[in-house]
Amino acid sequence: MAGKKGKTASRKIKDKWKAKEWYKVYAPRMFNDIEIGETPSVDPEFLLGRTTEVTVHDLTGDFSRMHVKLKFRVDEVEGSDARTVFIGHDLTSDYVRRLTRRKRTKTDFIMDVRTKDGYLIRIKPMSIAERRIQSSQESAIRAIMSREIQEKASDMTVSELVKSVISGDMAKMLARSCRIIVPIKRIEIRRTEILEMGDRQTQSILEVPVKDTPEPVEAPVEVSEAVEESEVAETEDSVGESEEIKIEEKSEIIEDSDIKE
């Protein structure tokens, strides 16, 4: 009886899996609607609310941003296409561990800002000092980061803010501002979260290169042939010079023999 129950259970699982259909998942408009993967589902309604993570390298092919993870949530299903919205980003844990070292102070900060198009975003920057610093210096760094982020984010749309965070421009700006307090080794925007959605019509496409498959590089035939011809000519010249030297040596030996006679 137990064996029959196991067989029937496996049959039911197989039947459920066959009933599922595959849906293509696309990134939001700000990321050029790039296809980021596929997911199965029995009903399109079950796709709503599903989240996925991809790295910036997966979207753009930029190896220098492999540590930046983008988070998307399925918000709309059109036929076999699942459209997503951007809900935040995060840095990989191994990258954060590489930044933190002994005898260096890591200062974390959390603040909520509202963009020009009505998005409420939670931003979590962190700063790494080149040495250990005092708590008063950490408070001064947090105050500077709060002021700078509030001023910049309030004049940006969500697309502009995301681009500034992903490209590292905002982190560089914060590092320049905080260096007046203590020497800063590095500042990173560790995490962002979308708390409230705003006007999606104002989202502009980010100017990031789309990942392309590199074409195989072929060696130029003409150059290689020219190199081979030059190498052959050089070897022929060297052989000719050695033969001339041998002939001259032989003639000298014959002349010496004539003198002796």
C-alpha atoms as a PDB file:
ATOM      1  CA  MET A   1       0.000   0.000   0.000  1.00  0.00           C
ATOM      2  CA  ALA A   2       2.851   2.376   0.816  1.00  0.00           C
ATOM      3  CA  GLY A   3       4.402   1.784  -2.583  1.00  0.00           C
ATOM      4  CA  LYS A   4       1.118   2.594  -4.342  1.00  0.00           C
ATOM      5  CA  LYS A   5       0.733   5.841  -2.386  1.00  0.00           C
ATOM      6  CA  GLY A   6       4.258   6.887  -3.332  1.00  0.00           C
ATOM      7  CA  LYS A   7       3.588   6.246  -7.011  1.00  0.00           C
ATOM      8  CA  THR A   8       0.327   8.178  -6.973  1.00  0.00           C
ATOM      9  CA  ALA A   9       2.012  11.112  -5.176  1.00  0.00           C
ATOM     10  CA  SER A  10       4.787  11.240  -7.753  1.00  0.00           C
ATOM     11  CA  ARG A  11       2.215  11.146 -10.541  1.00  0.00           C
ATOM     12  CA  LYS A  12       0.364  14.100  -9.010  1.00  0.00           C
ATOM     13  CA  ILE A  13       3.581  16.133  -8.768  1.00  0.00           C
ATOM     14  CA  LYS A  14       4.400  15.400 -12.394  1.00  0.00           C
ATOM     15  CA  ASP A  15       0.908  16.388 -13.466  1.00  0.00           C
ATOM     16  CA  LYS A  16       1.147  19.709 -11.606  1.00  0.00           C
ATOM     17  CA  TRP A  17       4.498  20.470 -13.156  1.00  0.00           C
ATOM     18  CA  LYS A  18       3.206  19.736 -16.660  1.00  0.00           C
ATOM     19  CA  ALA A  19       0.312  22.105 -16.076  1.00  0.00           C
ATOM     20  CA  LYS A  20       2.704  25.031 -15.480  1.00  0.00           C
ATOM     21  CA  GLU A  21       3.643  27.456 -18.221  1.00  0.00           C
ATOM     22  CA  TRP A  22       6.875  29.424 -18.583  1.00  0.00           C
ATOM     23  CA  TYR A  23       6.778  33.205 -18.471  1.00  0.00           C
ATOM     24  CA  LYS A  24       9.563  35.565 -19.515  1.00  0.00           C
ATOM     25  CA  VAL A  25      10.559  38.102 -16.874  1.00  0.00           C
ATOM     26  CA  TYR A  26      11.575  41.588 -18.036  1.00  0.00           C
ATOM     27  CA  ALA A  27      13.366  44.400 -16.217  1.00  0.00           C
ATOM     28  CA  PRO A  28      11.591  47.763 -15.769  1.00  0.00           C
ATOM     29  CA  ARG A  29      11.615  50.518 -18.376  1.00  0.00           C
ATOM     30  CA  MET A  30      14.548  52.291 -16.715  1.00  0.00           C
ATOM     31  CA  PHE A  31      16.662  49.219 -17.573  1.00  0.00           C
ATOM     32  CA  ASN A  32      15.575  49.081 -21.233  1.00  0.00           C
ATOM     33  CA  ASP A  33      13.049  46.247 -20.657  1.00  0.00           C
ATOM     34  CA  ILE A  34      15.836  43.652 -20.828  1.00  0.00           C
ATOM     35  CA  GLU A  35      14.831  40.014 -20.401  1.00  0.00           C
ATOM     36  CA  ILE A  36      16.294  38.805 -17.105  1.00  0.00           C
ATOM     37  CA  GLY A  37      14.966  35.256 -16.895  1.00  0.00           C
ATOM     38  CA  GLU A  38      12.016  32.890 -16.972  1.00  0.00           C
ATOM     39  CA  THR A  39       9.719  31.498 -14.306  1.00  0.00           C
ATOM     40  CA  PRO A  40       6.997  28.799 -14.321  1.00  0.00           C
ATOM     41  CA  SER A  41       3.487  29.210 -12.968  1.00  0.00           C
ATOM     42  CA  VAL A  42       0.088  27.522 -13.177  1.00  0.00           C
ATOM     43  CA  ASP A  43      -1.803  30.826 -13.103  1.00  0.00           C
ATOM     44  CA  PRO A  44      -0.545  34.289 -14.155  1.00  0.00           C
ATOM     45  CA  GLU A  45      -1.950  35.733 -10.928  1.00  0.00           C
ATOM     46  CA  PHE A  46       0.525  33.659  -8.929  1.00  0.00           C
ATOM     47  CA  LEU A  47       3.386  35.573 -10.582  1.00  0.00           C
ATOM     48  CA  LEU A  48       2.346  38.875  -9.048  1.00  0.00           C
ATOM     49  CA  GLY A  49       4.595  39.721  -6.120  1.00  0.00           C
ATOM     50  CA  ARG A  50       7.433  37.357  -7.048  1.00  0.00           C
ATOM     51  CA  THR A  51      10.876  38.894  -6.595  1.00  0.00           C
ATOM     52  CA  THR A  52      14.132  38.268  -8.404  1.00  0.00           C
ATOM     53  CA  GLU A  53      17.719  39.468  -8.132  1.00  0.00           C
ATOM     54  CA  VAL A  54      20.242  40.145 -10.893  1.00  0.00           C
ATOM     55  CA  THR A  55      23.642  41.815 -10.828  1.00  0.00           C
ATOM     56  CA  VAL A  56      24.543  44.899 -12.824  1.00  0.00           C
ATOM     57  CA  HIS A  57      27.026  42.692 -14.670  1.00  0.00           C
ATOM     58  CA  ASP A  58      24.146  40.489 -15.868  1.00  0.00           C
ATOM     59  CA  LEU A  59      22.408  43.516 -17.391  1.00  0.00           C
ATOM     60  CA  THR A  60      25.331  45.539 -18.739  1.00  0.00           C
ATOM     61  CA  GLY A  61      28.285  43.160 -18.912  1.00  0.00           C
ATOM     62  CA  ASP A  62      30.335  45.481 -16.663  1.00  0.00           C
ATOM     63  CA  PHE A  63      32.619  43.258 -14.545  1.00  0.00           C
ATOM     64  CA  SER A  64      33.455  46.133 -12.203  1.00  0.00           C
ATOM     65  CA  ARG A  65      29.841  46.132 -10.905  1.00  0.00           C
ATOM     66  CA  MET A  66      29.481  42.407 -10.210  1.00  0.00           C
ATOM     67  CA  HIS A  67      29.004  43.145  -6.500  1.00  0.00           C
ATOM     68  CA  VAL A  68      25.862  45.260  -7.068  1.00  0.00           C
ATOM     69  CA  LYS A  69      22.603  43.269  -6.941  1.00  0.00           C
ATOM     70  CA  LEU A  70      19.366  44.745  -8.295  1.00  0.00           C
ATOM     71  CA  LYS A  71      16.009  43.629  -6.905  1.00  0.00           C
ATOM     72  CA  PHE A  72      12.829  43.499  -9.011  1.00  0.00           C
ATOM     73  CA  ARG A  73       9.212  42.499  -8.248  1.00  0.00           C
ATOM     74  CA  VAL A  74       6.697  41.213 -10.765  1.00  0.00           C
ATOM     75  CA  ASP A  75       3.951  43.813 -10.985  1.00  0.00           C
ATOM     76  CA  GLU A  76       2.129  43.043 -14.235  1.00  0.00           C
ATOM     77  CA  VAL A  77       1.615  40.062 -16.563  1.00  0.00           C
ATOM     78  CA  GLU A  78       0.862  40.508 -20.275  1.00  0.00           C
ATOM     79  CA  GLY A  79       0.363  37.197 -22.031  1.00  0.00           C
ATOM     80  CA  SER A  80       3.566  35.253 -21.451  1.00  0.00           C
ATOM     81  CA  ASP A  81       5.530  38.365 -20.397  1.00  0.00           C
ATOM     82  CA  ALA A  82       5.986  39.319 -16.743  1.00  0.00           C
ATOM     83  CA  ARG A  83       6.822  42.997 -16.172  1.00  0.00           C
ATOM     84  CA  THR A  84       8.700  44.027 -13.043  1.00  0.00           C
ATOM     85  CA  VAL A  85       9.362  47.152 -11.001  1.00  0.00           C
ATOM     86  CA  PHE A  86      12.579  48.162  -9.272  1.00  0.00           C
ATOM     87  CA  ILE A  87      12.342  47.728  -5.497  1.00  0.00           C
ATOM     88  CA  GLY A  88      15.941  48.303  -4.395  1.00  0.00           C
ATOM     89  CA  HIS A  89      19.522  47.183  -4.581  1.00  0.00           C
ATOM     90  CA  ASP A  90      22.080  45.552  -2.305  1.00  0.00           C
ATOM     91  CA  LEU A  91      25.801  44.852  -2.187  1.00  0.00           C
ATOM     92  CA  THR A  92      27.100  41.314  -1.905  1.00  0.00           C
ATOM     93  CA  SER A  93      28.225  40.289   1.573  1.00  0.00           C
ATOM     94  CA  ASP A  94      31.704  39.242   0.458  1.00  0.00           C
ATOM     95  CA  TYR A  95      32.306  42.689  -1.074  1.00  0.00           C
ATOM     96  CA  VAL A  96      31.306  44.407   2.187  1.00  0.00           C
ATOM     97  CA  ARG A  97      33.602  42.095   4.159  1.00  0.00           C
ATOM     98  CA  ARG A  98      36.520  42.963   1.888  1.00  0.00           C
ATOM     99  CA  LEU A  99      36.028  46.649   2.619  1.00  0.00           C
ATOM    100  CA  THR A 100      36.036  46.266   6.393  1.00  0.00           C
ATOM    101  CA  ARG A 101      39.470  45.812   7.953  1.00  0.00           C
ATOM    102  CA  ARG A 102      40.956  45.963  11.419  1.00  0.00           C
ATOM    103  CA  LYS A 103      41.756  49.381  12.865  1.00  0.00           C
ATOM    104  CA  ARG A 104      39.250  51.014  10.536  1.00  0.00           C
ATOM    105  CA  THR A 105      35.903  52.404  11.651  1.00  0.00           C
ATOM    106  CA  LYS A 106      32.792  51.523   9.620  1.00  0.00           C
ATOM    107  CA  THR A 107      30.012  54.073  10.027  1.00  0.00           C
ATOM    108  CA  ASP A 108      26.485  53.008   8.989  1.00  0.00           C
ATOM    109  CA  PHE A 109      23.629  55.379   8.354  1.00  0.00           C
ATOM    110  CA  ILE A 110      19.938  55.067   7.382  1.00  0.00           C
ATOM    111  CA  MET A 111      17.658  57.764   6.030  1.00  0.00           C
ATOM    112  CA  ASP A 112      14.461  58.093   3.986  1.00  0.00           C
ATOM    113  CA  VAL A 113      14.238  60.548   1.091  1.00  0.00           C
ATOM    114  CA  ARG A 114      11.477  61.437  -1.350  1.00  0.00           C
ATOM    115  CA  THR A 115      12.399  61.976  -4.984  1.00  0.00           C
ATOM    116  CA  LYS A 116      11.046  64.639  -7.312  1.00  0.00           C
ATOM    117  CA  ASP A 117       8.532  62.193  -8.825  1.00  0.00           C
ATOM    118  CA  GLY A 118       7.124  61.068  -5.466  1.00  0.00           C
ATOM    119  CA  TYR A 119       9.107  57.890  -4.709  1.00  0.00           C
ATOM    120  CA  LEU A 120       9.989  57.306  -1.058  1.00  0.00           C
ATOM    121  CA  ILE A 121      13.351  55.542  -0.898  1.00  0.00           C
ATOM    122  CA  ARG A 122      15.295  54.288   2.095  1.00  0.00           C
ATOM    123  CA  ILE A 123      19.047  54.743   1.567  1.00  0.00           C
ATOM    124  CA  LYS A 124      21.695  53.021   3.682  1.00  0.00           C
ATOM    125  CA  PRO A 125      25.196  54.395   3.076  1.00  0.00           C
ATOM    126  CA  MET A 126      28.313  53.294   4.915  1.00  0.00           C
ATOM    127  CA  SER A 127      31.717  54.921   5.257  1.00  0.00           C
ATOM    128  CA  ILE A 128      35.077  53.273   5.911  1.00  0.00           C
ATOM    129  CA  ALA A 129      37.656  55.508   7.615  1.00  0.00           C
ATOM    130  CA  GLU A 130      41.372  54.956   7.133  1.00  0.00           C
ATOM    131  CA  ARG A 131      41.814  54.691  10.898  1.00  0.00           C
ATOM    132  CA  ARG A 132      39.791  54.448  14.069  1.00  0.00           C
ATOM    133  CA  ILE A 133      37.732  57.554  14.736  1.00  0.00           C
ATOM    134  CA  GLN A 134      35.744  58.940  17.636  1.00  0.00           C
ATOM    135  CA  SER A 135      31.972  58.795  18.041  1.00  0.00           C
ATOM    136  CA  SER A 136      31.724  62.593  17.608  1.00  0.00           C
ATOM    137  CA  GLN A 137      33.439  62.278  14.228  1.00  0.00           C
ATOM    138  CA  GLU A 138      30.992  59.527  13.234  1.00  0.00           C
ATOM    139  CA  SER A 139      28.084  61.831  14.161  1.00  0.00           C
ATOM    140  CA  ALA A 140      29.576  64.591  12.008  1.00  0.00           C
ATOM    141  CA  ILE A 141      29.927  62.167   9.065  1.00  0.00           C
ATOM    142  CA  ARG A 142      26.288  61.082   9.431  1.00  0.00           C
ATOM    143  CA  ALA A 143      25.142  64.706   9.487  1.00  0.00           C
ATOM    144  CA  ILE A 144      27.060  65.501   6.289  1.00  0.00           C
ATOM    145  CA  MET A 145      25.714  62.402   4.511  1.00  0.00           C
ATOM    146  CA  SER A 146      22.148  63.240   5.582  1.00  0.00           C
ATOM    147  CA  ARG A 147      22.403  66.802   4.282  1.00  0.00           C
ATOM    148  CA  GLU A 148      24.038  65.881   0.966  1.00  0.00           C
ATOM    149  CA  ILE A 149      21.694  62.979   0.186  1.00  0.00           C
ATOM    150  CA  GLN A 150      18.605  65.035   1.041  1.00  0.00           C
ATOM    151  CA  GLU A 151      19.672  67.916  -1.205  1.00  0.00           C
ATOM    152  CA  LYS A 152      20.601  65.710  -4.166  1.00  0.00           C
ATOM    153  CA  ALA A 153      17.748  63.186  -3.986  1.00  0.00           C
ATOM    154  CA  SER A 154      15.005  65.798  -3.682  1.00  0.00           C
ATOM    155  CA  ASP A 155      16.017  67.246  -7.074  1.00  0.00           C
ATOM    156  CA  MET A 156      16.239  63.842  -8.829  1.00  0.00           C
ATOM    157  CA  THR A 157      13.736  61.434 -10.312  1.00  0.00           C
ATOM    158  CA  VAL A 158      13.911  57.809  -9.243  1.00  0.00           C
ATOM    159  CA  SER A 159      15.734  56.889 -12.473  1.00  0.00           C
ATOM    160  CA  GLU A 160      18.368  59.574 -11.918  1.00  0.00           C
ATOM    161  CA  LEU A 161      18.817  58.535  -8.296  1.00  0.00           C
ATOM    162  CA  VAL A 162      19.188  54.845  -9.170  1.00  0.00           C
ATOM    163  CA  LYS A 163      21.722  55.688 -11.870  1.00  0.00           C
ATOM    164  CA  SER A 164      23.716  57.832  -9.425  1.00  0.00           C
ATOM    165  CA  VAL A 165      23.752  55.023  -6.851  1.00  0.00           C
ATOM    166  CA  ILE A 166      24.628  52.211  -9.272  1.00  0.00           C
ATOM    167  CA  SER A 167      27.359  54.141 -11.066  1.00  0.00           C
ATOM    168  CA  GLY A 168      28.957  55.187  -7.764  1.00  0.00           C
ATOM    169  CA  ASP A 169      28.640  58.939  -8.410  1.00  0.00           C
ATOM    170  CA  MET A 170      26.686  59.543  -5.197  1.00  0.00           C
ATOM    171  CA  ALA A 171      29.231  57.607  -3.129  1.00  0.00           C
ATOM    172  CA  LYS A 172      32.082  59.670  -4.617  1.00  0.00           C
ATOM    173  CA  MET A 173      30.217  62.888  -3.840  1.00  0.00           C
ATOM    174  CA  LEU A 174      29.688  61.831  -0.228  1.00  0.00           C
ATOM    175  CA  ALA A 175      33.356  60.834   0.119  1.00  0.00           C
ATOM    176  CA  ARG A 176      34.518  64.277  -1.044  1.00  0.00           C
ATOM    177  CA  SER A 177      32.188  65.990   1.421  1.00  0.00           C
ATOM    178  CA  CYS A 178      33.144  63.809   4.400  1.00  0.00           C
ATOM    179  CA  ARG A 179      36.917  64.127   3.941  1.00  0.00           C
ATOM    180  CA  ILE A 180      36.845  67.464   5.723  1.00  0.00           C
ATOM    181  CA  ILE A 181      36.139  65.562   8.961  1.00  0.00           C
ATOM    182  CA  VAL A 182      38.497  62.568   8.745  1.00  0.00           C
ATOM    183  CA  PRO A 183      40.416  60.755   5.981  1.00  0.00           C
ATOM    184  CA  ILE A 184      37.853  58.496   4.297  1.00  0.00           C
ATOM    185  CA  LYS A 185      38.965  55.258   2.697  1.00  0.00           C
ATOM    186  CA  ARG A 186      35.699  54.537   0.908  1.00  0.00           C
ATOM    187  CA  ILE A 187      31.974  55.281   0.982  1.00  0.00           C
ATOM    188  CA  GLU A 188      29.395  52.938  -0.519  1.00  0.00           C
ATOM    189  CA  ILE A 189      25.599  52.990  -0.775  1.00  0.00           C
ATOM    190  CA  ARG A 190      25.144  49.604   0.829  1.00  0.00           C
ATOM    191  CA  ARG A 191      21.413  49.215   0.239  1.00  0.00           C
ATOM    192  CA  THR A 192      18.335  50.996  -1.083  1.00  0.00           C
ATOM    193  CA  GLU A 193      14.654  50.120  -0.644  1.00  0.00           C
ATOM    194  CA  ILE A 194      11.581  51.516  -2.383  1.00  0.00           C
ATOM    195  CA  LEU A 195       9.055  52.209   0.373  1.00  0.00           C
ATOM    196  CA  GLU A 196       6.411  54.021  -1.693  1.00  0.00           C
ATOM    197  CA  MET A 197       5.920  54.076  -5.452  1.00  0.00           C
ATOM    198  CA  GLY A 198       5.513  57.377  -7.246  1.00  0.00           C
ATOM    199  CA  ASP A 199       4.689  58.399 -10.796  1.00  0.00           C
ATOM    200  CA  ARG A 200       5.960  55.661 -13.104  1.00  0.00           C
ATOM    201  CA  GLN A 201       5.399  57.752 -16.217  1.00  0.00           C
ATOM    202  CA  THR A 202       8.377  59.921 -15.257  1.00  0.00           C
ATOM    203  CA  GLN A 203      10.806  56.999 -15.300  1.00  0.00           C
ATOM    204  CA  SER A 204      13.464  57.520 -17.931  1.00  0.00           C
ATOM    205  CA  ILE A 205      15.698  54.878 -19.454  1.00  0.00           C
ATOM    206  CA  LEU A 206      19.087  54.688 -17.797  1.00  0.00           C
ATOM    207  CA  GLU A 207      22.024  55.271 -20.109  1.00  0.00           C
ATOM    208  CA  VAL A 208      23.707  51.946 -19.431  1.00  0.00           C
ATOM    209  CA  PRO A 209      25.154  49.733 -22.168  1.00  0.00           C
ATOM    210  CA  VAL A 210      23.185  46.577 -22.904  1.00  0.00           C
ATOM    211  CA  LYS A 211      25.105  43.341 -22.538  1.00  0.00           C
ATOM    212  CA  ASP A 212      26.340  42.079 -25.898  1.00  0.00           C
ATOM    213  CA  THR A 213      28.025  38.803 -26.708  1.00  0.00           C
ATOM    214  CA  PRO A 214      31.586  39.573 -27.812  1.00  0.00           C
ATOM    215  CA  GLU A 215      32.435  38.550 -31.344  1.00  0.00           C
ATOM    216  CA  PRO A 216      35.420  36.239 -31.819  1.00  0.00           C
ATOM    217  CA  VAL A 217      38.548  38.156 -32.738  1.00  0.00           C
ATOM    218  CA  GLU A 218      40.257  36.852 -35.864  1.00  0.00           C
ATOM    219  CA  ALA A 219      43.984  37.273 -36.379  1.00  0.00           C
ATOM    220  CA  PRO A 220      44.752  39.550 -39.340  1.00  0.00           C
ATOM    221  CA  VAL A 221      46.022  37.285 -42.114  1.00  0.00           C
ATOM    222  CA  GLU A 222      47.926  39.982 -43.963  1.00  0.00           C
ATOM    223  CA  VAL A 223      49.943  40.973 -40.924  1.00  0.00           C
ATOM    224  CA  SER A 224      50.806  37.375 -40.054  1.00  0.00           C
ATOM    225  CA  GLU A 225      51.892  36.683 -43.648  1.00  0.00           C
ATOM    226  CA  ALA A 226      54.021  39.799 -43.695  1.00  0.00           C
ATOM    227  CA  VAL A 227      55.655  38.748 -40.443  1.00  0.00           C
ATOM    228  CA  GLU A 228      56.343  35.303 -41.830  1.00  0.00           C
ATOM    229  CA  GLU A 229      57.841  36.773 -45.035  1.00  0.00           C
ATOM    230  CA  SER A 230      60.067  39.117 -43.041  1.00  0.00           C
ATOM    231  CA  GLU A 231      61.205  36.241 -40.824  1.00  0.00           C
ATOM    232  CA  VAL A 232      61.992  34.128 -43.904  1.00  0.00           C
ATOM    233  CA  ALA A 233      63.885  37.005 -45.498  1.00  0.00           C
ATOM    234  CA  GLU A 234      65.899  37.514 -42.309  1.00  0.00           C
ATOM    235  CA  THR A 235      66.790  33.815 -42.157  1.00  0.00           C
ATOM    236  CA  GLU A 236      67.756  33.795 -45.840  1.00  0.00           C
ATOM    237  CA  ASP A 237      69.968  36.840 -45.330  1.00  0.00           C
ATOM    238  CA  SER A 238      71.639  35.237 -42.318  1.00  0.00           C
ATOM    239  CA  VAL A 239      72.204  32.018 -44.277  1.00  0.00           C
ATOM    240  CA  GLY A 240      73.629  33.988 -47.206  1.00  0.00           C
ATOM    241  CA  GLU A 241      75.994  35.883 -44.929  1.00  0.00           C
ATOM    242  CA  SER A 242      77.246  32.644 -43.331  1.00  0.00           C
ATOM    243  CA  GLU A 243      77.856  31.102 -46.770  1.00  0.00           C
ATOM    244  CA  GLU A 244      79.820  34.184 -47.888  1.00  0.00           C
ATOM    245  CA  ILE A 245      81.952  33.989 -44.751  1.00  0.00           C
ATOM    246  CA  LYS A 246      82.707  30.324 -45.421  1.00  0.00           C
ATOM    247  CA  ILE A 247      83.670  31.066 -49.058  1.00  0.00           C
ATOM    248  CA  GLU A 248      85.975  33.875 -47.941  1.00  0.00           C
ATOM    249  CA  GLU A 249      87.596  31.572 -45.384  1.00  0.00           C
ATOM    250  CA  LYS A 250      88.177  28.918 -48.066  1.00  0.00           C
ATOM    251  CA  SER A 251      89.734  31.475 -50.443  1.00  0.00           C
ATOM    252  CA  GLU A 252      92.104  32.610 -47.703  1.00  0.00           C
ATOM    253  CA  ILE A 253      93.170  29.038 -47.053  1.00  0.00           C
ATOM    254  CA  ILE A 254      93.858  28.491 -50.779  1.00  0.00           C
ATOM    255  CA  GLU A 255      95.943  31.684 -50.959  1.00  0.00           C
ATOM    256  CA  ASP A 256      98.051  30.590 -47.963  1.00  0.00           C
ATOM    257  CA  SER A 257      98.717  27.246 -49.590  1.00  0.00           C
ATOM    258  CA  ASP A 258      99.855  28.986 -52.783  1.00  0.00           C
ATOM    259  CA  ILE A 259     102.313  31.131 -50.827  1.00  0.00           C
ATOM    260  CA  LYS A 260     103.819  28.100 -49.107  1.00  0.00           C
ATOM    261  CA  GLU A 261     104.362  26.404 -52.457  1.00  0.00           C
END
